[in-house]
Amino acid sequence: MVFGEREGGGEVTEEEVQKLGKLTERYCVVLQTLVKKPVVKVRLVGKGGEEEEGVRKEIVHGSTL
């Protein structure tokens, strides 16, 4: 089965499309970031290392894997 045509006129096979999909899953940085969400931590501290009233001490977003 043929899935498309290359710029030079050659055919793109199903095996090539599958291989491209697997390589994309493995090496695509954007996809990896979406699939394996990074953990982001923010800590706000006032002057002299003292925690200020009304400031959230720590914010954690994401999941750990």
PDB file of N, CA and C in Angstrom:
ATOM      1  N   MET A   1       0.840  -1.176   0.000  1.00  0.00           N
ATOM      2  CA  MET A   1       0.000   0.000   0.000  1.00  0.00           C
ATOM      3  C   MET A   1       0.888   1.243   0.000  1.00  0.00           C
ATOM      4  N   VAL A   2       0.526   2.227  -0.766  1.00  0.00           N
ATOM      5  CA  VAL A   2       1.281   3.463  -0.882  1.00  0.00           C
ATOM      6  C   VAL A   2       0.524   4.564  -0.143  1.00  0.00           C
ATOM      7  N   PHE A   3       1.250   5.346   0.687  1.00  0.00           N
ATOM      8  CA  PHE A   3       0.620   6.373   1.506  1.00  0.00           C
ATOM      9  C   PHE A   3       0.842   7.791   0.997  1.00  0.00           C
ATOM     10  N   GLY A   4       1.684   7.962   0.059  1.00  0.00           N
ATOM     11  CA  GLY A   4       1.937   9.306  -0.444  1.00  0.00           C
ATOM     12  C   GLY A   4       3.092   9.307  -1.410  1.00  0.00           C
ATOM     13  N   GLU A   5       3.536  10.487  -1.700  1.00  0.00           N
ATOM     14  CA  GLU A   5       4.593  10.646  -2.682  1.00  0.00           C
ATOM     15  C   GLU A   5       5.663  11.578  -2.122  1.00  0.00           C
ATOM     16  N   ARG A   6       6.908  11.234  -2.380  1.00  0.00           N
ATOM     17  CA  ARG A   6       8.043  12.076  -1.962  1.00  0.00           C
ATOM     18  C   ARG A   6       8.168  13.262  -2.911  1.00  0.00           C
ATOM     19  N   GLU A   7       8.969  14.236  -2.492  1.00  0.00           N
ATOM     20  CA  GLU A   7       9.194  15.402  -3.350  1.00  0.00           C
ATOM     21  C   GLU A   7       9.755  14.995  -4.707  1.00  0.00           C
ATOM     22  N   GLY A   8      10.625  14.000  -4.717  1.00  0.00           N
ATOM     23  CA  GLY A   8      11.235  13.552  -5.968  1.00  0.00           C
ATOM     24  C   GLY A   8      10.344  12.639  -6.784  1.00  0.00           C
ATOM     25  N   GLY A   9       9.161  12.311  -6.269  1.00  0.00           N
ATOM     26  CA  GLY A   9       8.237  11.476  -7.035  1.00  0.00           C
ATOM     27  C   GLY A   9       8.171  10.038  -6.571  1.00  0.00           C
ATOM     28  N   GLY A  10       9.046   9.625  -5.619  1.00  0.00           N
ATOM     29  CA  GLY A  10       8.999   8.253  -5.123  1.00  0.00           C
ATOM     30  C   GLY A  10       7.816   8.022  -4.194  1.00  0.00           C
ATOM     31  N   GLU A  11       7.488   6.755  -4.000  1.00  0.00           N
ATOM     32  CA  GLU A  11       6.352   6.399  -3.162  1.00  0.00           C
ATOM     33  C   GLU A  11       6.765   6.260  -1.700  1.00  0.00           C
ATOM     34  N   VAL A  12       5.836   6.566  -0.778  1.00  0.00           N
ATOM     35  CA  VAL A  12       6.041   6.385   0.658  1.00  0.00           C
ATOM     36  C   VAL A  12       5.250   5.158   1.070  1.00  0.00           C
ATOM     37  N   THR A  13       5.934   4.184   1.657  1.00  0.00           N
ATOM     38  CA  THR A  13       5.279   2.932   2.018  1.00  0.00           C
ATOM     39  C   THR A  13       4.724   2.971   3.443  1.00  0.00           C
ATOM     40  N   GLU A  14       3.872   2.002   3.743  1.00  0.00           N
ATOM     41  CA  GLU A  14       3.286   1.885   5.084  1.00  0.00           C
ATOM     42  C   GLU A  14       4.381   1.665   6.129  1.00  0.00           C
ATOM     43  N   GLU A  15       5.395   0.868   5.790  1.00  0.00           N
ATOM     44  CA  GLU A  15       6.495   0.600   6.716  1.00  0.00           C
ATOM     45  C   GLU A  15       7.249   1.886   7.069  1.00  0.00           C
ATOM     46  N   GLU A  16       7.443   2.742   6.079  1.00  0.00           N
ATOM     47  CA  GLU A  16       8.132   4.016   6.318  1.00  0.00           C
ATOM     48  C   GLU A  16       7.308   4.937   7.219  1.00  0.00           C
ATOM     49  N   VAL A  17       6.007   4.943   7.027  1.00  0.00           N
ATOM     50  CA  VAL A  17       5.126   5.759   7.856  1.00  0.00           C
ATOM     51  C   VAL A  17       5.151   5.246   9.299  1.00  0.00           C
ATOM     52  N   GLN A  18       5.106   3.927   9.486  1.00  0.00           N
ATOM     53  CA  GLN A  18       5.165   3.342  10.826  1.00  0.00           C
ATOM     54  C   GLN A  18       6.501   3.654  11.504  1.00  0.00           C
ATOM     55  N   LYS A  19       7.581   3.539  10.746  1.00  0.00           N
ATOM     56  CA  LYS A  19       8.906   3.840  11.304  1.00  0.00           C
ATOM     57  C   LYS A  19       8.992   5.307  11.713  1.00  0.00           C
ATOM     58  N   LEU A  20       8.468   6.206  10.901  1.00  0.00           N
ATOM     59  CA  LEU A  20       8.463   7.626  11.224  1.00  0.00           C
ATOM     60  C   LEU A  20       7.659   7.882  12.504  1.00  0.00           C
ATOM     61  N   GLY A  21       6.527   7.211  12.645  1.00  0.00           N
ATOM     62  CA  GLY A  21       5.713   7.352  13.857  1.00  0.00           C
ATOM     63  C   GLY A  21       6.461   6.913  15.100  1.00  0.00           C
ATOM     64  N   LYS A  22       7.151   5.777  15.026  1.00  0.00           N
ATOM     65  CA  LYS A  22       7.920   5.273  16.172  1.00  0.00           C
ATOM     66  C   LYS A  22       9.075   6.204  16.519  1.00  0.00           C
ATOM     67  N   LEU A  23       9.765   6.713  15.511  1.00  0.00           N
ATOM     68  CA  LEU A  23      10.875   7.640  15.756  1.00  0.00           C
ATOM     69  C   LEU A  23      10.375   8.959  16.353  1.00  0.00           C
ATOM     70  N   THR A  24       9.212   9.398  15.902  1.00  0.00           N
ATOM     71  CA  THR A  24       8.627  10.621  16.449  1.00  0.00           C
ATOM     72  C   THR A  24       8.283  10.430  17.918  1.00  0.00           C
ATOM     73  N   GLU A  25       7.665   9.297  18.259  1.00  0.00           N
ATOM     74  CA  GLU A  25       7.334   9.005  19.657  1.00  0.00           C
ATOM     75  C   GLU A  25       8.590   8.971  20.518  1.00  0.00           C
ATOM     76  N   ARG A  26       9.669   8.494  19.971  1.00  0.00           N
ATOM     77  CA  ARG A  26      10.904   8.330  20.742  1.00  0.00           C
ATOM     78  C   ARG A  26      11.698   9.629  20.898  1.00  0.00           C
ATOM     79  N   TYR A  27      11.781  10.430  19.855  1.00  0.00           N
ATOM     80  CA  TYR A  27      12.701  11.571  19.853  1.00  0.00           C
ATOM     81  C   TYR A  27      12.049  12.952  19.879  1.00  0.00           C
ATOM     82  N   CYS A  28      10.753  13.066  19.707  1.00  0.00           N
ATOM     83  CA  CYS A  28      10.106  14.376  19.660  1.00  0.00           C
ATOM     84  C   CYS A  28      10.045  14.977  21.071  1.00  0.00           C
ATOM     85  N   VAL A  29      10.769  16.069  21.278  1.00  0.00           N
ATOM     86  CA  VAL A  29      10.858  16.704  22.591  1.00  0.00           C
ATOM     87  C   VAL A  29       9.502  17.235  23.036  1.00  0.00           C
ATOM     88  N   VAL A  30       8.752  17.822  22.126  1.00  0.00           N
ATOM     89  CA  VAL A  30       7.444  18.376  22.470  1.00  0.00           C
ATOM     90  C   VAL A  30       6.502  17.254  22.903  1.00  0.00           C
ATOM     91  N   LEU A  31       6.477  16.162  22.156  1.00  0.00           N
ATOM     92  CA  LEU A  31       5.620  15.033  22.512  1.00  0.00           C
ATOM     93  C   LEU A  31       6.019  14.453  23.867  1.00  0.00           C
ATOM     94  N   GLN A  32       7.310  14.303  24.114  1.00  0.00           N
ATOM     95  CA  GLN A  32       7.776  13.765  25.396  1.00  0.00           C
ATOM     96  C   GLN A  32       7.369  14.670  26.551  1.00  0.00           C
ATOM     97  N   THR A  33       7.396  15.986  26.339  1.00  0.00           N
ATOM     98  CA  THR A  33       6.988  16.925  27.379  1.00  0.00           C
ATOM     99  C   THR A  33       5.498  16.787  27.673  1.00  0.00           C
ATOM    100  N   LEU A  34       4.693  16.559  26.654  1.00  0.00           N
ATOM    101  CA  LEU A  34       3.258  16.394  26.854  1.00  0.00           C
ATOM    102  C   LEU A  34       2.928  15.062  27.512  1.00  0.00           C
ATOM    103  N   VAL A  35       3.640  14.008  27.128  1.00  0.00           N
ATOM    104  CA  VAL A  35       3.372  12.677  27.666  1.00  0.00           C
ATOM    105  C   VAL A  35       3.905  12.537  29.087  1.00  0.00           C
ATOM    106  N   LYS A  36       5.114  13.001  29.334  1.00  0.00           N
ATOM    107  CA  LYS A  36       5.755  12.912  30.648  1.00  0.00           C
ATOM    108  C   LYS A  36       5.892  14.325  31.194  1.00  0.00           C
ATOM    109  N   LYS A  37       4.809  14.802  31.783  1.00  0.00           N
ATOM    110  CA  LYS A  37       4.790  16.181  32.267  1.00  0.00           C
ATOM    111  C   LYS A  37       5.877  16.405  33.311  1.00  0.00           C
ATOM    112  N   PRO A  38       6.667  17.467  33.150  1.00  0.00           N
ATOM    113  CA  PRO A  38       7.721  17.743  34.122  1.00  0.00           C
ATOM    114  C   PRO A  38       7.135  18.302  35.420  1.00  0.00           C
ATOM    115  N   VAL A  39       7.861  18.129  36.512  1.00  0.00           N
ATOM    116  CA  VAL A  39       7.468  18.704  37.790  1.00  0.00           C
ATOM    117  C   VAL A  39       8.103  20.084  37.889  1.00  0.00           C
ATOM    118  N   VAL A  40       7.287  21.080  38.180  1.00  0.00           N
ATOM    119  CA  VAL A  40       7.772  22.440  38.328  1.00  0.00           C
ATOM    120  C   VAL A  40       7.480  22.882  39.754  1.00  0.00           C
ATOM    121  N   LYS A  41       8.516  23.300  40.469  1.00  0.00           N
ATOM    122  CA  LYS A  41       8.350  23.761  41.842  1.00  0.00           C
ATOM    123  C   LYS A  41       8.811  25.208  41.942  1.00  0.00           C
ATOM    124  N   VAL A  42       8.042  26.003  42.676  1.00  0.00           N
ATOM    125  CA  VAL A  42       8.396  27.398  42.904  1.00  0.00           C
ATOM    126  C   VAL A  42       8.275  27.651  44.401  1.00  0.00           C
ATOM    127  N   ARG A  43       9.290  28.264  44.969  1.00  0.00           N
ATOM    128  CA  ARG A  43       9.251  28.603  46.391  1.00  0.00           C
ATOM    129  C   ARG A  43       9.560  30.083  46.531  1.00  0.00           C
ATOM    130  N   LEU A  44       8.660  30.793  47.190  1.00  0.00           N
ATOM    131  CA  LEU A  44       8.822  32.223  47.387  1.00  0.00           C
ATOM    132  C   LEU A  44       9.215  32.468  48.840  1.00  0.00           C
ATOM    133  N   VAL A  45      10.284  33.200  49.044  1.00  0.00           N
ATOM    134  CA  VAL A  45      10.761  33.499  50.389  1.00  0.00           C
ATOM    135  C   VAL A  45      11.004  34.997  50.489  1.00  0.00           C
ATOM    136  N   GLY A  46      10.620  35.580  51.641  1.00  0.00           N
ATOM    137  CA  GLY A  46      10.785  37.012  51.839  1.00  0.00           C
ATOM    138  C   GLY A  46      12.214  37.387  52.178  1.00  0.00           C
ATOM    139  N   LYS A  47      12.394  38.614  52.618  1.00  0.00           N
ATOM    140  CA  LYS A  47      13.716  39.143  52.951  1.00  0.00           C
ATOM    141  C   LYS A  47      14.354  38.346  54.084  1.00  0.00           C
ATOM    142  N   GLY A  48      15.632  38.125  53.978  1.00  0.00           N
ATOM    143  CA  GLY A  48      16.363  37.435  55.039  1.00  0.00           C
ATOM    144  C   GLY A  48      15.982  35.978  55.203  1.00  0.00           C
ATOM    145  N   GLY A  49      15.327  35.409  54.227  1.00  0.00           N
ATOM    146  CA  GLY A  49      14.973  34.000  54.300  1.00  0.00           C
ATOM    147  C   GLY A  49      13.689  33.726  55.060  1.00  0.00           C
ATOM    148  N   GLU A  50      13.021  34.769  55.535  1.00  0.00           N
ATOM    149  CA  GLU A  50      11.778  34.595  56.288  1.00  0.00           C
ATOM    150  C   GLU A  50      10.602  34.503  55.320  1.00  0.00           C
ATOM    151  N   GLU A  51       9.696  33.589  55.605  1.00  0.00           N
ATOM    152  CA  GLU A  51       8.503  33.469  54.779  1.00  0.00           C
ATOM    153  C   GLU A  51       7.532  34.572  55.162  1.00  0.00           C
ATOM    154  N   GLU A  52       6.992  35.269  54.178  1.00  0.00           N
ATOM    155  CA  GLU A  52       6.094  36.385  54.433  1.00  0.00           C
ATOM    156  C   GLU A  52       4.651  35.900  54.534  1.00  0.00           C
ATOM    157  N   GLU A  53       3.867  36.554  55.344  1.00  0.00           N
ATOM    158  CA  GLU A  53       2.463  36.213  55.498  1.00  0.00           C
ATOM    159  C   GLU A  53       1.729  36.509  54.196  1.00  0.00           C
ATOM    160  N   GLY A  54       0.835  35.630  53.794  1.00  0.00           N
ATOM    161  CA  GLY A  54       0.051  35.834  52.582  1.00  0.00           C
ATOM    162  C   GLY A  54       0.721  35.337  51.318  1.00  0.00           C
ATOM    163  N   VAL A  55       1.927  34.819  51.431  1.00  0.00           N
ATOM    164  CA  VAL A  55       2.628  34.280  50.264  1.00  0.00           C
ATOM    165  C   VAL A  55       2.570  32.764  50.342  1.00  0.00           C
ATOM    166  N   ARG A  56       2.151  32.160  49.275  1.00  0.00           N
ATOM    167  CA  ARG A  56       2.132  30.699  49.238  1.00  0.00           C
ATOM    168  C   ARG A  56       3.545  30.201  49.338  1.00  0.00           C
ATOM    169  N   LYS A  57       3.757  29.244  50.229  1.00  0.00           N
ATOM    170  CA  LYS A  57       5.106  28.780  50.534  1.00  0.00           C
ATOM    171  C   LYS A  57       5.723  27.968  49.392  1.00  0.00           C
ATOM    172  N   GLU A  58       4.934  27.088  48.780  1.00  0.00           N
ATOM    173  CA  GLU A  58       5.481  26.241  47.717  1.00  0.00           C
ATOM    174  C   GLU A  58       4.364  25.857  46.762  1.00  0.00           C
ATOM    175  N   ILE A  59       4.663  25.890  45.492  1.00  0.00           N
ATOM    176  CA  ILE A  59       3.710  25.515  44.458  1.00  0.00           C
ATOM    177  C   ILE A  59       4.335  24.385  43.646  1.00  0.00           C
ATOM    178  N   VAL A  60       3.610  23.290  43.504  1.00  0.00           N
ATOM    179  CA  VAL A  60       4.104  22.158  42.734  1.00  0.00           C
ATOM    180  C   VAL A  60       3.107  21.869  41.627  1.00  0.00           C
ATOM    181  N   HIS A  61       3.606  21.772  40.401  1.00  0.00           N
ATOM    182  CA  HIS A  61       2.747  21.470  39.256  1.00  0.00           C
ATOM    183  C   HIS A  61       3.344  20.320  38.480  1.00  0.00           C
ATOM    184  N   GLY A  62       2.523  19.389  38.081  1.00  0.00           N
ATOM    185  CA  GLY A  62       3.007  18.276  37.279  1.00  0.00           C
ATOM    186  C   GLY A  62       2.941  16.989  38.070  1.00  0.00           C
ATOM    187  N   SER A  63       3.591  15.978  37.544  1.00  0.00           N
ATOM    188  CA  SER A  63       3.594  14.679  38.191  1.00  0.00           C
ATOM    189  C   SER A  63       5.009  14.141  38.234  1.00  0.00           C
ATOM    190  N   THR A  64       5.256  13.263  39.152  1.00  0.00           N
ATOM    191  CA  THR A  64       6.576  12.641  39.243  1.00  0.00           C
ATOM    192  C   THR A  64       6.512  11.261  38.622  1.00  0.00           C
ATOM    193  N   LEU A  65       7.522  10.921  37.859  1.00  0.00           N
ATOM    194  CA  LEU A  65       7.592   9.603  37.213  1.00  0.00           C
ATOM    195  C   LEU A  65       8.865   8.923  37.594  1.00  0.00           C
TER     196      LEU A  65
END
